[in-house]
Amino acid sequence: MKLATVQGRARTVNVEVRRKRTYIKRDVLEEQARHQQEEIDVKRREALDADAAKRIGSRTSGASANASTWRTGAARKKSSTARSRRMKRAAWLRSVPRGG
């Protein structure tokens, strides 16, 4: 890059260009990983329970009522964990300083 001096001559100046870096809090990454793992675990449990319900349903007639009761309990648990996650995220967003 050329720069004008007081005497009117141009001189060459070295310029160093660096990459921009984005810093992410480790807590956020850990929370995302935990959330993904919970989703995988829930799907795995649902698949195993559905398979078990099919096997039990073939042996007894009352199994479908038990399976539907369990599903509502699982849905309730899933909604409460989602609510908890939303509340934690809202608290985190309130604690982060805003630029300005």
N, C-alpha and C. Protein backbone atom coordinates (compact mmCIF):
# COMPACT_ATOMS: atom_id res chain seq x y z
N MET A 1 0.86 -1.16 0.00
CA MET A 1 0.00 0.00 0.00
C MET A 1 0.90 1.23 0.00
N LYS A 2 0.57 2.22 -0.79
CA LYS A 2 1.39 3.43 -0.87
C LYS A 2 0.74 4.53 -0.04
N LEU A 3 1.59 5.30 0.64
CA LEU A 3 1.13 6.34 1.55
C LEU A 3 1.86 7.63 1.23
N ALA A 4 1.17 8.74 1.17
CA ALA A 4 1.80 10.03 0.88
C ALA A 4 2.47 10.56 2.15
N THR A 5 3.66 11.14 2.00
CA THR A 5 4.36 11.70 3.15
C THR A 5 4.27 13.21 3.11
N VAL A 6 4.83 13.86 4.12
CA VAL A 6 4.78 15.31 4.23
C VAL A 6 5.53 15.97 3.07
N GLN A 7 6.63 15.35 2.63
CA GLN A 7 7.43 15.93 1.55
C GLN A 7 6.80 15.70 0.18
N GLY A 8 5.72 15.00 0.07
CA GLY A 8 5.06 14.80 -1.21
C GLY A 8 5.47 13.50 -1.89
N ARG A 9 6.43 12.80 -1.34
CA ARG A 9 6.83 11.52 -1.92
C ARG A 9 5.91 10.42 -1.42
N ALA A 10 5.80 9.39 -2.21
CA ALA A 10 5.01 8.23 -1.80
C ALA A 10 5.96 7.17 -1.25
N ARG A 11 5.58 6.55 -0.19
CA ARG A 11 6.39 5.47 0.33
C ARG A 11 5.49 4.25 0.51
N THR A 12 6.09 3.09 0.45
CA THR A 12 5.35 1.83 0.55
C THR A 12 5.34 1.38 1.99
N VAL A 13 4.15 1.00 2.45
CA VAL A 13 3.97 0.56 3.84
C VAL A 13 3.46 -0.89 3.79
N ASN A 14 4.01 -1.74 4.64
CA ASN A 14 3.54 -3.12 4.73
C ASN A 14 2.23 -3.17 5.51
N VAL A 15 1.29 -3.92 4.99
CA VAL A 15 -0.01 -4.08 5.64
C VAL A 15 -0.24 -5.56 5.90
N GLU A 16 -0.65 -5.89 7.10
CA GLU A 16 -0.92 -7.28 7.44
C GLU A 16 -2.43 -7.47 7.56
N VAL A 17 -2.96 -8.43 6.85
CA VAL A 17 -4.39 -8.71 6.89
C VAL A 17 -4.58 -10.03 7.62
N ARG A 18 -5.43 -10.02 8.62
CA ARG A 18 -5.69 -11.23 9.41
C ARG A 18 -7.11 -11.70 9.21
N ARG A 19 -7.30 -12.97 9.48
CA ARG A 19 -8.65 -13.52 9.38
C ARG A 19 -9.51 -13.04 10.55
N LYS A 20 -10.80 -12.89 10.27
CA LYS A 20 -11.73 -12.60 11.35
C LYS A 20 -12.03 -13.91 12.05
N ARG A 21 -12.16 -13.87 13.34
CA ARG A 21 -12.47 -15.06 14.11
C ARG A 21 -13.76 -14.85 14.88
N THR A 22 -14.53 -15.90 14.96
CA THR A 22 -15.77 -15.86 15.72
C THR A 22 -15.58 -16.72 16.95
N TYR A 23 -15.84 -16.15 18.10
CA TYR A 23 -15.71 -16.88 19.35
C TYR A 23 -17.10 -17.29 19.82
N ILE A 24 -17.24 -18.56 20.14
CA ILE A 24 -18.51 -19.09 20.61
C ILE A 24 -18.29 -19.63 22.01
N LYS A 25 -19.20 -19.32 22.91
CA LYS A 25 -19.06 -19.81 24.27
C LYS A 25 -19.21 -21.33 24.28
N ARG A 26 -18.36 -21.98 25.02
CA ARG A 26 -18.36 -23.43 25.09
C ARG A 26 -19.70 -23.95 25.64
N ASP A 27 -20.32 -23.21 26.54
CA ASP A 27 -21.59 -23.63 27.14
C ASP A 27 -22.65 -23.83 26.05
N VAL A 28 -22.67 -22.94 25.06
CA VAL A 28 -23.66 -23.02 23.99
C VAL A 28 -23.46 -24.30 23.18
N LEU A 29 -22.21 -24.60 22.85
CA LEU A 29 -21.92 -25.81 22.08
C LEU A 29 -22.27 -27.07 22.87
N GLU A 30 -21.96 -27.06 24.16
CA GLU A 30 -22.30 -28.22 24.98
C GLU A 30 -23.81 -28.40 25.08
N GLU A 31 -24.53 -27.29 25.20
CA GLU A 31 -26.00 -27.35 25.28
C GLU A 31 -26.58 -27.92 23.98
N GLN A 32 -26.04 -27.48 22.84
CA GLN A 32 -26.52 -28.00 21.56
C GLN A 32 -26.24 -29.49 21.43
N ALA A 33 -25.06 -29.92 21.83
CA ALA A 33 -24.71 -31.34 21.76
C ALA A 33 -25.62 -32.16 22.67
N ARG A 34 -25.88 -31.64 23.86
CA ARG A 34 -26.76 -32.33 24.81
C ARG A 34 -28.18 -32.44 24.23
N HIS A 35 -28.63 -31.35 23.61
CA HIS A 35 -29.98 -31.34 23.01
C HIS A 35 -30.08 -32.38 21.90
N GLN A 36 -29.07 -32.45 21.04
CA GLN A 36 -29.08 -33.43 19.95
C GLN A 36 -29.06 -34.85 20.50
N GLN A 37 -28.27 -35.08 21.54
CA GLN A 37 -28.20 -36.42 22.13
C GLN A 37 -29.53 -36.81 22.76
N GLU A 38 -30.21 -35.84 23.40
CA GLU A 38 -31.52 -36.12 23.99
C GLU A 38 -32.52 -36.51 22.91
N GLU A 39 -32.50 -35.81 21.78
CA GLU A 39 -33.41 -36.15 20.69
C GLU A 39 -33.16 -37.56 20.17
N ILE A 40 -31.88 -37.91 20.03
CA ILE A 40 -31.53 -39.25 19.55
C ILE A 40 -32.01 -40.30 20.55
N ASP A 41 -31.79 -40.03 21.85
CA ASP A 41 -32.22 -40.98 22.89
C ASP A 41 -33.73 -41.15 22.90
N VAL A 42 -34.47 -40.06 22.74
CA VAL A 42 -35.93 -40.13 22.73
C VAL A 42 -36.42 -40.97 21.55
N LYS A 43 -35.84 -40.75 20.38
CA LYS A 43 -36.24 -41.52 19.20
C LYS A 43 -35.93 -43.00 19.39
N ARG A 44 -34.76 -43.28 19.96
CA ARG A 44 -34.37 -44.67 20.19
C ARG A 44 -35.33 -45.34 21.17
N ARG A 45 -35.66 -44.61 22.28
CA ARG A 45 -36.59 -45.17 23.26
C ARG A 45 -37.96 -45.42 22.65
N GLU A 46 -38.44 -44.47 21.83
CA GLU A 46 -39.75 -44.64 21.20
C GLU A 46 -39.76 -45.85 20.28
N ALA A 47 -38.67 -46.05 19.53
CA ALA A 47 -38.60 -47.19 18.63
C ALA A 47 -38.59 -48.50 19.43
N LEU A 48 -37.81 -48.54 20.51
CA LEU A 48 -37.75 -49.76 21.32
C LEU A 48 -39.10 -50.04 22.00
N ASP A 49 -39.73 -48.99 22.50
CA ASP A 49 -41.03 -49.17 23.16
C ASP A 49 -42.11 -49.58 22.17
N ALA A 50 -42.06 -49.04 20.95
CA ALA A 50 -43.05 -49.42 19.94
C ALA A 50 -42.87 -50.89 19.59
N ASP A 51 -41.61 -51.32 19.47
CA ASP A 51 -41.33 -52.72 19.17
C ASP A 51 -41.80 -53.61 20.30
N ALA A 52 -41.53 -53.20 21.54
CA ALA A 52 -41.96 -53.98 22.71
C ALA A 52 -43.48 -54.02 22.79
N ALA A 53 -44.14 -52.90 22.49
CA ALA A 53 -45.60 -52.86 22.54
C ALA A 53 -46.21 -53.80 21.50
N LYS A 54 -45.57 -53.89 20.34
CA LYS A 54 -46.07 -54.81 19.30
C LYS A 54 -45.96 -56.26 19.77
N ARG A 55 -44.80 -56.57 20.39
CA ARG A 55 -44.61 -57.94 20.86
C ARG A 55 -45.58 -58.27 21.98
N ILE A 56 -45.77 -57.35 22.91
CA ILE A 56 -46.69 -57.58 24.03
C ILE A 56 -48.13 -57.59 23.54
N GLY A 57 -48.45 -56.72 22.59
CA GLY A 57 -49.81 -56.63 22.05
C GLY A 57 -50.26 -57.91 21.39
N SER A 58 -49.33 -58.63 20.82
CA SER A 58 -49.70 -59.90 20.19
C SER A 58 -50.06 -60.95 21.24
N ARG A 59 -49.54 -60.79 22.47
CA ARG A 59 -49.82 -61.77 23.53
C ARG A 59 -51.05 -61.41 24.35
N THR A 60 -51.25 -60.11 24.62
CA THR A 60 -52.38 -59.71 25.48
C THR A 60 -53.22 -58.66 24.76
N SER A 61 -54.47 -58.53 25.16
CA SER A 61 -55.35 -57.57 24.51
C SER A 61 -55.29 -56.19 25.16
N GLY A 62 -54.88 -56.07 26.43
CA GLY A 62 -54.87 -54.80 27.15
C GLY A 62 -53.59 -53.99 26.92
N ALA A 63 -52.70 -54.45 26.10
CA ALA A 63 -51.41 -53.77 25.91
C ALA A 63 -51.57 -52.43 25.22
N SER A 64 -52.55 -52.30 24.33
CA SER A 64 -52.70 -51.04 23.60
C SER A 64 -53.07 -49.90 24.54
N ALA A 65 -53.88 -50.18 25.58
CA ALA A 65 -54.23 -49.13 26.55
C ALA A 65 -53.00 -48.70 27.33
N ASN A 66 -52.15 -49.63 27.72
CA ASN A 66 -50.92 -49.30 28.44
C ASN A 66 -49.97 -48.49 27.57
N ALA A 67 -49.86 -48.86 26.32
CA ALA A 67 -48.95 -48.15 25.41
C ALA A 67 -49.41 -46.72 25.19
N SER A 68 -50.73 -46.51 25.05
CA SER A 68 -51.21 -45.15 24.85
C SER A 68 -51.01 -44.30 26.10
N THR A 69 -51.15 -44.89 27.28
CA THR A 69 -50.89 -44.17 28.53
C THR A 69 -49.43 -43.78 28.60
N TRP A 70 -48.53 -44.67 28.24
CA TRP A 70 -47.10 -44.37 28.27
C TRP A 70 -46.77 -43.26 27.29
N ARG A 71 -47.37 -43.28 26.10
CA ARG A 71 -47.08 -42.25 25.10
C ARG A 71 -47.45 -40.86 25.60
N THR A 72 -48.57 -40.74 26.28
CA THR A 72 -48.94 -39.42 26.78
C THR A 72 -47.96 -38.97 27.85
N GLY A 73 -47.47 -39.88 28.67
CA GLY A 73 -46.47 -39.53 29.67
C GLY A 73 -45.17 -39.08 29.01
N ALA A 74 -44.77 -39.76 27.94
CA ALA A 74 -43.55 -39.38 27.23
C ALA A 74 -43.71 -38.02 26.58
N ALA A 75 -44.89 -37.76 26.02
CA ALA A 75 -45.13 -36.46 25.39
C ALA A 75 -45.09 -35.35 26.43
N ARG A 76 -45.64 -35.64 27.61
CA ARG A 76 -45.63 -34.64 28.68
C ARG A 76 -44.19 -34.35 29.10
N LYS A 77 -43.38 -35.39 29.25
CA LYS A 77 -41.99 -35.20 29.64
C LYS A 77 -41.23 -34.41 28.58
N LYS A 78 -41.48 -34.72 27.31
CA LYS A 78 -40.81 -34.03 26.21
C LYS A 78 -41.17 -32.55 26.21
N SER A 79 -42.44 -32.23 26.44
CA SER A 79 -42.84 -30.82 26.44
C SER A 79 -42.24 -30.08 27.62
N SER A 80 -42.10 -30.74 28.77
CA SER A 80 -41.52 -30.06 29.93
C SER A 80 -40.04 -29.81 29.72
N THR A 81 -39.31 -30.73 29.08
CA THR A 81 -37.89 -30.49 28.81
C THR A 81 -37.72 -29.39 27.79
N ALA A 82 -38.61 -29.33 26.80
CA ALA A 82 -38.54 -28.26 25.80
C ALA A 82 -38.80 -26.90 26.48
N ARG A 83 -39.77 -26.86 27.38
CA ARG A 83 -40.07 -25.62 28.10
C ARG A 83 -38.87 -25.20 28.94
N SER A 84 -38.24 -26.16 29.59
CA SER A 84 -37.07 -25.88 30.40
C SER A 84 -35.93 -25.31 29.54
N ARG A 85 -35.72 -25.91 28.36
CA ARG A 85 -34.69 -25.41 27.45
C ARG A 85 -34.97 -23.98 27.01
N ARG A 86 -36.24 -23.69 26.70
CA ARG A 86 -36.61 -22.33 26.27
C ARG A 86 -36.35 -21.33 27.39
N MET A 87 -36.67 -21.71 28.63
CA MET A 87 -36.47 -20.80 29.75
C MET A 87 -34.98 -20.53 29.98
N LYS A 88 -34.15 -21.58 29.89
CA LYS A 88 -32.71 -21.40 30.05
C LYS A 88 -32.14 -20.50 28.97
N ARG A 89 -32.59 -20.70 27.73
CA ARG A 89 -32.09 -19.88 26.62
C ARG A 89 -32.51 -18.42 26.80
N ALA A 90 -33.74 -18.18 27.24
CA ALA A 90 -34.21 -16.82 27.46
C ALA A 90 -33.39 -16.14 28.56
N ALA A 91 -33.07 -16.88 29.61
CA ALA A 91 -32.26 -16.32 30.69
C ALA A 91 -30.86 -16.00 30.18
N TRP A 92 -30.31 -16.88 29.35
CA TRP A 92 -28.98 -16.63 28.79
C TRP A 92 -29.00 -15.40 27.90
N LEU A 93 -30.04 -15.26 27.06
CA LEU A 93 -30.12 -14.10 26.18
C LEU A 93 -30.24 -12.81 26.96
N ARG A 94 -30.94 -12.84 28.10
CA ARG A 94 -31.04 -11.64 28.94
C ARG A 94 -29.70 -11.28 29.56
N SER A 95 -28.86 -12.28 29.82
CA SER A 95 -27.58 -12.01 30.50
C SER A 95 -26.49 -11.54 29.54
N VAL A 96 -26.66 -11.76 28.24
CA VAL A 96 -25.64 -11.37 27.26
C VAL A 96 -25.72 -9.86 27.02
N PRO A 97 -24.60 -9.14 27.16
CA PRO A 97 -24.63 -7.69 26.91
C PRO A 97 -24.85 -7.41 25.42
N ARG A 98 -25.62 -6.40 25.16
CA ARG A 98 -25.91 -6.02 23.77
C ARG A 98 -25.00 -4.87 23.36
N GLY A 99 -24.59 -4.89 22.10
CA GLY A 99 -23.73 -3.82 21.59
C GLY A 99 -24.53 -2.55 21.34
N GLY A 100 -23.85 -1.42 21.44
CA GLY A 100 -24.63 -0.23 21.13
C GLY A 100 -24.17 1.00 21.77
